[in-house]
Amino acid sequence: MRVIALDYHPNLKKFIENVFHPLPVATINVIWLPDGTKETRVILERKARGERVELAKKIIQKIKNMKVKVEVI
């Protein structure tokens, strides 16, 4: 069983970078949708395994209660 330890940080950018570590995060954008909700887009600098990205998205969604979309440049 693999365990991931995170340091909770109140700064959203630092928290997301900690969750995706060691993957380099290029940028983080908050997108306001027409229905009034918002989505956070995280752009990674390199491709990662799908299960790693999905796990990171679930962690962010559970802890910060936000929708997350991940892209790779």
PDB file of N, CA and C in Angstrom:
ATOM      1  N   MET A   1       0.840  -1.180   0.000  1.00  0.00           N
ATOM      2  CA  MET A   1       0.000   0.000   0.000  1.00  0.00           C
ATOM      3  C   MET A   1       0.887   1.246   0.000  1.00  0.00           C
ATOM      4  N   ARG A   2       0.534   2.181  -0.849  1.00  0.00           N
ATOM      5  CA  ARG A   2       1.309   3.406  -0.981  1.00  0.00           C
ATOM      6  C   ARG A   2       0.600   4.537  -0.256  1.00  0.00           C
ATOM      7  N   VAL A   3       1.341   5.357   0.471  1.00  0.00           N
ATOM      8  CA  VAL A   3       0.777   6.467   1.236  1.00  0.00           C
ATOM      9  C   VAL A   3       1.378   7.764   0.728  1.00  0.00           C
ATOM     10  N   ILE A   4       0.517   8.762   0.561  1.00  0.00           N
ATOM     11  CA  ILE A   4       0.977  10.085   0.149  1.00  0.00           C
ATOM     12  C   ILE A   4       0.734  11.038   1.310  1.00  0.00           C
ATOM     13  N   ALA A   5       1.784  11.693   1.794  1.00  0.00           N
ATOM     14  CA  ALA A   5       1.660  12.662   2.880  1.00  0.00           C
ATOM     15  C   ALA A   5       1.688  14.062   2.276  1.00  0.00           C
ATOM     16  N   LEU A   6       0.711  14.868   2.653  1.00  0.00           N
ATOM     17  CA  LEU A   6       0.613  16.229   2.130  1.00  0.00           C
ATOM     18  C   LEU A   6       0.706  17.243   3.254  1.00  0.00           C
ATOM     19  N   ASP A   7       1.318  18.357   2.951  1.00  0.00           N
ATOM     20  CA  ASP A   7       1.335  19.477   3.875  1.00  0.00           C
ATOM     21  C   ASP A   7       0.220  20.417   3.432  1.00  0.00           C
ATOM     22  N   TYR A   8      -0.840  20.534   4.254  1.00  0.00           N
ATOM     23  CA  TYR A   8      -1.956  21.412   3.875  1.00  0.00           C
ATOM     24  C   TYR A   8      -1.469  22.849   3.900  1.00  0.00           C
ATOM     25  N   HIS A   9      -1.721  23.556   2.830  1.00  0.00           N
ATOM     26  CA  HIS A   9      -1.312  24.953   2.721  1.00  0.00           C
ATOM     27  C   HIS A   9      -2.532  25.785   2.359  1.00  0.00           C
ATOM     28  N   PRO A  10      -2.788  26.877   3.074  1.00  0.00           N
ATOM     29  CA  PRO A  10      -3.974  27.689   2.762  1.00  0.00           C
ATOM     30  C   PRO A  10      -3.909  28.362   1.387  1.00  0.00           C
ATOM     31  N   ASN A  11      -2.706  28.568   0.867  1.00  0.00           N
ATOM     32  CA  ASN A  11      -2.531  29.148  -0.458  1.00  0.00           C
ATOM     33  C   ASN A  11      -2.855  28.068  -1.492  1.00  0.00           C
ATOM     34  N   LEU A  12      -3.856  28.316  -2.346  1.00  0.00           N
ATOM     35  CA  LEU A  12      -4.320  27.328  -3.316  1.00  0.00           C
ATOM     36  C   LEU A  12      -3.204  26.864  -4.245  1.00  0.00           C
ATOM     37  N   LYS A  13      -2.394  27.789  -4.746  1.00  0.00           N
ATOM     38  CA  LYS A  13      -1.311  27.437  -5.673  1.00  0.00           C
ATOM     39  C   LYS A  13      -0.321  26.487  -5.001  1.00  0.00           C
ATOM     40  N   LYS A  14       0.101  26.803  -3.798  1.00  0.00           N
ATOM     41  CA  LYS A  14       1.062  25.956  -3.086  1.00  0.00           C
ATOM     42  C   LYS A  14       0.464  24.588  -2.787  1.00  0.00           C
ATOM     43  N   PHE A  15      -0.819  24.550  -2.396  1.00  0.00           N
ATOM     44  CA  PHE A  15      -1.477  23.286  -2.100  1.00  0.00           C
ATOM     45  C   PHE A  15      -1.519  22.387  -3.335  1.00  0.00           C
ATOM     46  N   ILE A  16      -1.916  22.942  -4.475  1.00  0.00           N
ATOM     47  CA  ILE A  16      -1.998  22.161  -5.714  1.00  0.00           C
ATOM     48  C   ILE A  16      -0.616  21.687  -6.139  1.00  0.00           C
ATOM     49  N   GLU A  17       0.397  22.532  -6.012  1.00  0.00           N
ATOM     50  CA  GLU A  17       1.760  22.110  -6.343  1.00  0.00           C
ATOM     51  C   GLU A  17       2.204  20.968  -5.443  1.00  0.00           C
ATOM     52  N   ASN A  18       1.839  20.997  -4.159  1.00  0.00           N
ATOM     53  CA  ASN A  18       2.185  19.913  -3.231  1.00  0.00           C
ATOM     54  C   ASN A  18       1.499  18.608  -3.635  1.00  0.00           C
ATOM     55  N   VAL A  19       0.244  18.690  -4.063  1.00  0.00           N
ATOM     56  CA  VAL A  19      -0.501  17.490  -4.446  1.00  0.00           C
ATOM     57  C   VAL A  19       0.109  16.849  -5.691  1.00  0.00           C
ATOM     58  N   PHE A  20       0.511  17.657  -6.660  1.00  0.00           N
ATOM     59  CA  PHE A  20       1.058  17.124  -7.909  1.00  0.00           C
ATOM     60  C   PHE A  20       2.562  16.837  -7.845  1.00  0.00           C
ATOM     61  N   HIS A  21       3.216  17.180  -6.754  1.00  0.00           N
ATOM     62  CA  HIS A  21       4.656  16.943  -6.630  1.00  0.00           C
ATOM     63  C   HIS A  21       4.976  15.476  -6.875  1.00  0.00           C
ATOM     64  N   PRO A  22       5.936  15.118  -7.642  1.00  0.00           N
ATOM     65  CA  PRO A  22       7.063  15.850  -8.213  1.00  0.00           C
ATOM     66  C   PRO A  22       6.812  16.390  -9.622  1.00  0.00           C
ATOM     67  N   LEU A  23       5.584  16.315 -10.108  1.00  0.00           N
ATOM     68  CA  LEU A  23       5.285  16.839 -11.442  1.00  0.00           C
ATOM     69  C   LEU A  23       5.315  18.366 -11.419  1.00  0.00           C
ATOM     70  N   PRO A  24       5.983  18.991 -12.384  1.00  0.00           N
ATOM     71  CA  PRO A  24       6.029  20.456 -12.409  1.00  0.00           C
ATOM     72  C   PRO A  24       4.715  21.046 -12.934  1.00  0.00           C
ATOM     73  N   VAL A  25       4.150  21.963 -12.162  1.00  0.00           N
ATOM     74  CA  VAL A  25       2.919  22.653 -12.543  1.00  0.00           C
ATOM     75  C   VAL A  25       3.306  23.931 -13.277  1.00  0.00           C
ATOM     76  N   ALA A  26       2.842  24.075 -14.522  1.00  0.00           N
ATOM     77  CA  ALA A  26       3.165  25.262 -15.318  1.00  0.00           C
ATOM     78  C   ALA A  26       2.310  26.446 -14.883  1.00  0.00           C
ATOM     79  N   THR A  27       1.009  26.217 -14.739  1.00  0.00           N
ATOM     80  CA  THR A  27       0.107  27.301 -14.353  1.00  0.00           C
ATOM     81  C   THR A  27      -1.180  26.734 -13.772  1.00  0.00           C
ATOM     82  N   ILE A  28      -1.875  27.591 -13.031  1.00  0.00           N
ATOM     83  CA  ILE A  28      -3.170  27.251 -12.449  1.00  0.00           C
ATOM     84  C   ILE A  28      -4.116  28.402 -12.780  1.00  0.00           C
ATOM     85  N   ASN A  29      -5.238  28.074 -13.419  1.00  0.00           N
ATOM     86  CA  ASN A  29      -6.224  29.082 -13.806  1.00  0.00           C
ATOM     87  C   ASN A  29      -7.575  28.751 -13.197  1.00  0.00           C
ATOM     88  N   VAL A  30      -8.314  29.779 -12.791  1.00  0.00           N
ATOM     89  CA  VAL A  30      -9.690  29.591 -12.340  1.00  0.00           C
ATOM     90  C   VAL A  30     -10.589  30.111 -13.452  1.00  0.00           C
ATOM     91  N   ILE A  31     -11.484  29.247 -13.927  1.00  0.00           N
ATOM     92  CA  ILE A  31     -12.362  29.579 -15.043  1.00  0.00           C
ATOM     93  C   ILE A  31     -13.792  29.691 -14.526  1.00  0.00           C
ATOM     94  N   TRP A  32     -14.422  30.825 -14.773  1.00  0.00           N
ATOM     95  CA  TRP A  32     -15.820  31.008 -14.397  1.00  0.00           C
ATOM     96  C   TRP A  32     -16.689  30.516 -15.542  1.00  0.00           C
ATOM     97  N   LEU A  33     -17.598  29.612 -15.245  1.00  0.00           N
ATOM     98  CA  LEU A  33     -18.480  29.024 -16.254  1.00  0.00           C
ATOM     99  C   LEU A  33     -19.781  29.826 -16.352  1.00  0.00           C
ATOM    100  N   PRO A  34     -20.481  29.727 -17.488  1.00  0.00           N
ATOM    101  CA  PRO A  34     -21.710  30.511 -17.691  1.00  0.00           C
ATOM    102  C   PRO A  34     -22.787  30.269 -16.626  1.00  0.00           C
ATOM    103  N   ASP A  35     -22.805  29.089 -16.019  1.00  0.00           N
ATOM    104  CA  ASP A  35     -23.831  28.815 -15.014  1.00  0.00           C
ATOM    105  C   ASP A  35     -23.476  29.374 -13.635  1.00  0.00           C
ATOM    106  N   GLY A  36     -22.361  30.115 -13.529  1.00  0.00           N
ATOM    107  CA  GLY A  36     -21.969  30.746 -12.277  1.00  0.00           C
ATOM    108  C   GLY A  36     -20.997  29.926 -11.443  1.00  0.00           C
ATOM    109  N   THR A  37     -20.733  28.691 -11.825  1.00  0.00           N
ATOM    110  CA  THR A  37     -19.766  27.875 -11.096  1.00  0.00           C
ATOM    111  C   THR A  37     -18.366  28.156 -11.620  1.00  0.00           C
ATOM    112  N   LYS A  38     -17.380  27.660 -10.914  1.00  0.00           N
ATOM    113  CA  LYS A  38     -16.010  27.843 -11.391  1.00  0.00           C
ATOM    114  C   LYS A  38     -15.284  26.514 -11.414  1.00  0.00           C
ATOM    115  N   GLU A  39     -14.288  26.450 -12.289  1.00  0.00           N
ATOM    116  CA  GLU A  39     -13.485  25.248 -12.483  1.00  0.00           C
ATOM    117  C   GLU A  39     -12.021  25.671 -12.438  1.00  0.00           C
ATOM    118  N   THR A  40     -11.208  24.875 -11.780  1.00  0.00           N
ATOM    119  CA  THR A  40      -9.786  25.161 -11.699  1.00  0.00           C
ATOM    120  C   THR A  40      -9.062  24.305 -12.730  1.00  0.00           C
ATOM    121  N   ARG A  41      -8.274  24.954 -13.573  1.00  0.00           N
ATOM    122  CA  ARG A  41      -7.521  24.252 -14.607  1.00  0.00           C
ATOM    123  C   ARG A  41      -6.049  24.250 -14.205  1.00  0.00           C
ATOM    124  N   VAL A  42      -5.491  23.047 -14.112  1.00  0.00           N
ATOM    125  CA  VAL A  42      -4.084  22.880 -13.763  1.00  0.00           C
ATOM    126  C   VAL A  42      -3.365  22.403 -15.015  1.00  0.00           C
ATOM    127  N   ILE A  43      -2.325  23.120 -15.406  1.00  0.00           N
ATOM    128  CA  ILE A  43      -1.558  22.747 -16.589  1.00  0.00           C
ATOM    129  C   ILE A  43      -0.197  22.239 -16.131  1.00  0.00           C
ATOM    130  N   LEU A  44       0.084  20.983 -16.481  1.00  0.00           N
ATOM    131  CA  LEU A  44       1.346  20.355 -16.120  1.00  0.00           C
ATOM    132  C   LEU A  44       2.354  20.502 -17.256  1.00  0.00           C
ATOM    133  N   GLU A  45       3.640  20.538 -16.905  1.00  0.00           N
ATOM    134  CA  GLU A  45       4.684  20.692 -17.912  1.00  0.00           C
ATOM    135  C   GLU A  45       5.059  19.391 -18.590  1.00  0.00           C
ATOM    136  N   ARG A  46       4.712  18.257 -17.983  1.00  0.00           N
ATOM    137  CA  ARG A  46       5.010  16.988 -18.639  1.00  0.00           C
ATOM    138  C   ARG A  46       3.912  15.974 -18.322  1.00  0.00           C
ATOM    139  N   LYS A  47       3.820  14.995 -19.184  1.00  0.00           N
ATOM    140  CA  LYS A  47       2.782  13.977 -19.067  1.00  0.00           C
ATOM    141  C   LYS A  47       3.053  13.070 -17.869  1.00  0.00           C
ATOM    142  N   ALA A  48       1.976  12.663 -17.207  1.00  0.00           N
ATOM    143  CA  ALA A  48       2.072  11.762 -16.059  1.00  0.00           C
ATOM    144  C   ALA A  48       1.138  10.587 -16.270  1.00  0.00           C
ATOM    145  N   ARG A  49       1.328   9.544 -15.472  1.00  0.00           N
ATOM    146  CA  ARG A  49       0.428   8.401 -15.540  1.00  0.00           C
ATOM    147  C   ARG A  49      -0.980   8.849 -15.173  1.00  0.00           C
ATOM    148  N   GLY A  50      -1.958   8.286 -15.855  1.00  0.00           N
ATOM    149  CA  GLY A  50      -3.349   8.671 -15.662  1.00  0.00           C
ATOM    150  C   GLY A  50      -3.852   8.485 -14.249  1.00  0.00           C
ATOM    151  N   GLU A  51      -3.453   7.376 -13.597  1.00  0.00           N
ATOM    152  CA  GLU A  51      -3.938   7.138 -12.238  1.00  0.00           C
ATOM    153  C   GLU A  51      -3.363   8.144 -11.246  1.00  0.00           C
ATOM    154  N   ARG A  52      -2.156   8.627 -11.489  1.00  0.00           N
ATOM    155  CA  ARG A  52      -1.542   9.647 -10.616  1.00  0.00           C
ATOM    156  C   ARG A  52      -2.317  10.951 -10.719  1.00  0.00           C
ATOM    157  N   VAL A  53      -2.665  11.332 -11.938  1.00  0.00           N
ATOM    158  CA  VAL A  53      -3.412  12.567 -12.155  1.00  0.00           C
ATOM    159  C   VAL A  53      -4.820  12.454 -11.566  1.00  0.00           C
ATOM    160  N   GLU A  54      -5.468  11.314 -11.772  1.00  0.00           N
ATOM    161  CA  GLU A  54      -6.821  11.121 -11.232  1.00  0.00           C
ATOM    162  C   GLU A  54      -6.821  11.160  -9.707  1.00  0.00           C
ATOM    163  N   LEU A  55      -5.806  10.569  -9.081  1.00  0.00           N
ATOM    164  CA  LEU A  55      -5.705  10.601  -7.633  1.00  0.00           C
ATOM    165  C   LEU A  55      -5.515  12.031  -7.129  1.00  0.00           C
ATOM    166  N   ALA A  56      -4.663  12.787  -7.794  1.00  0.00           N
ATOM    167  CA  ALA A  56      -4.435  14.181  -7.412  1.00  0.00           C
ATOM    168  C   ALA A  56      -5.721  14.991  -7.550  1.00  0.00           C
ATOM    169  N   LYS A  57      -6.472  14.771  -8.641  1.00  0.00           N
ATOM    170  CA  LYS A  57      -7.739  15.483  -8.831  1.00  0.00           C
ATOM    171  C   LYS A  57      -8.727  15.160  -7.711  1.00  0.00           C
ATOM    172  N   LYS A  58      -8.817  13.883  -7.338  1.00  0.00           N
ATOM    173  CA  LYS A  58      -9.738  13.479  -6.268  1.00  0.00           C
ATOM    174  C   LYS A  58      -9.356  14.103  -4.933  1.00  0.00           C
ATOM    175  N   ILE A  59      -8.055  14.162  -4.650  1.00  0.00           N
ATOM    176  CA  ILE A  59      -7.592  14.765  -3.396  1.00  0.00           C
ATOM    177  C   ILE A  59      -7.976  16.237  -3.344  1.00  0.00           C
ATOM    178  N   ILE A  60      -7.731  16.963  -4.431  1.00  0.00           N
ATOM    179  CA  ILE A  60      -8.062  18.387  -4.472  1.00  0.00           C
ATOM    180  C   ILE A  60      -9.566  18.590  -4.362  1.00  0.00           C
ATOM    181  N   GLN A  61     -10.351  17.785  -5.068  1.00  0.00           N
ATOM    182  CA  GLN A  61     -11.805  17.922  -5.028  1.00  0.00           C
ATOM    183  C   GLN A  61     -12.348  17.657  -3.627  1.00  0.00           C
ATOM    184  N   LYS A  62     -11.818  16.662  -2.932  1.00  0.00           N
ATOM    185  CA  LYS A  62     -12.290  16.328  -1.580  1.00  0.00           C
ATOM    186  C   LYS A  62     -11.902  17.396  -0.562  1.00  0.00           C
ATOM    187  N   ILE A  63     -10.642  17.824  -0.592  1.00  0.00           N
ATOM    188  CA  ILE A  63     -10.145  18.740   0.437  1.00  0.00           C
ATOM    189  C   ILE A  63     -10.581  20.177   0.182  1.00  0.00           C
ATOM    190  N   LYS A  64     -10.495  20.632  -1.061  1.00  0.00           N
ATOM    191  CA  LYS A  64     -10.822  22.028  -1.386  1.00  0.00           C
ATOM    192  C   LYS A  64     -12.232  22.209  -1.945  1.00  0.00           C
ATOM    193  N   ASN A  65     -12.947  21.100  -2.212  1.00  0.00           N
ATOM    194  CA  ASN A  65     -14.315  21.154  -2.723  1.00  0.00           C
ATOM    195  C   ASN A  65     -14.400  21.993  -4.006  1.00  0.00           C
ATOM    196  N   MET A  66     -13.597  21.618  -4.994  1.00  0.00           N
ATOM    197  CA  MET A  66     -13.584  22.352  -6.256  1.00  0.00           C
ATOM    198  C   MET A  66     -13.459  21.395  -7.433  1.00  0.00           C
ATOM    199  N   LYS A  67     -13.965  21.818  -8.582  1.00  0.00           N
ATOM    200  CA  LYS A  67     -13.819  21.043  -9.818  1.00  0.00           C
ATOM    201  C   LYS A  67     -12.444  21.324 -10.391  1.00  0.00           C
ATOM    202  N   VAL A  68     -11.760  20.257 -10.833  1.00  0.00           N
ATOM    203  CA  VAL A  68     -10.400  20.398 -11.341  1.00  0.00           C
ATOM    204  C   VAL A  68     -10.311  19.734 -12.715  1.00  0.00           C
ATOM    205  N   LYS A  69      -9.675  20.431 -13.649  1.00  0.00           N
ATOM    206  CA  LYS A  69      -9.395  19.895 -14.980  1.00  0.00           C
ATOM    207  C   LYS A  69      -7.874  19.975 -15.165  1.00  0.00           C
ATOM    208  N   VAL A  70      -7.284  18.879 -15.633  1.00  0.00           N
ATOM    209  CA  VAL A  70      -5.817  18.827 -15.795  1.00  0.00           C
ATOM    210  C   VAL A  70      -5.471  18.699 -17.261  1.00  0.00           C
ATOM    211  N   GLU A  71      -4.519  19.509 -17.712  1.00  0.00           N
ATOM    212  CA  GLU A  71      -4.021  19.468 -19.088  1.00  0.00           C
ATOM    213  C   GLU A  71      -2.506  19.396 -19.062  1.00  0.00           C
ATOM    214  N   VAL A  72      -1.918  18.968 -20.155  1.00  0.00           N
ATOM    215  CA  VAL A  72      -0.462  18.879 -20.270  1.00  0.00           C
ATOM    216  C   VAL A  72      -0.020  19.697 -21.477  1.00  0.00           C
ATOM    217  N   ILE A  73       1.046  20.506 -21.310  1.00  0.00           N
ATOM    218  CA  ILE A  73       1.561  21.276 -22.459  1.00  0.00           C
ATOM    219  C   ILE A  73       2.725  20.559 -23.070  1.00  0.00           C
TER     220      ILE A  73
END
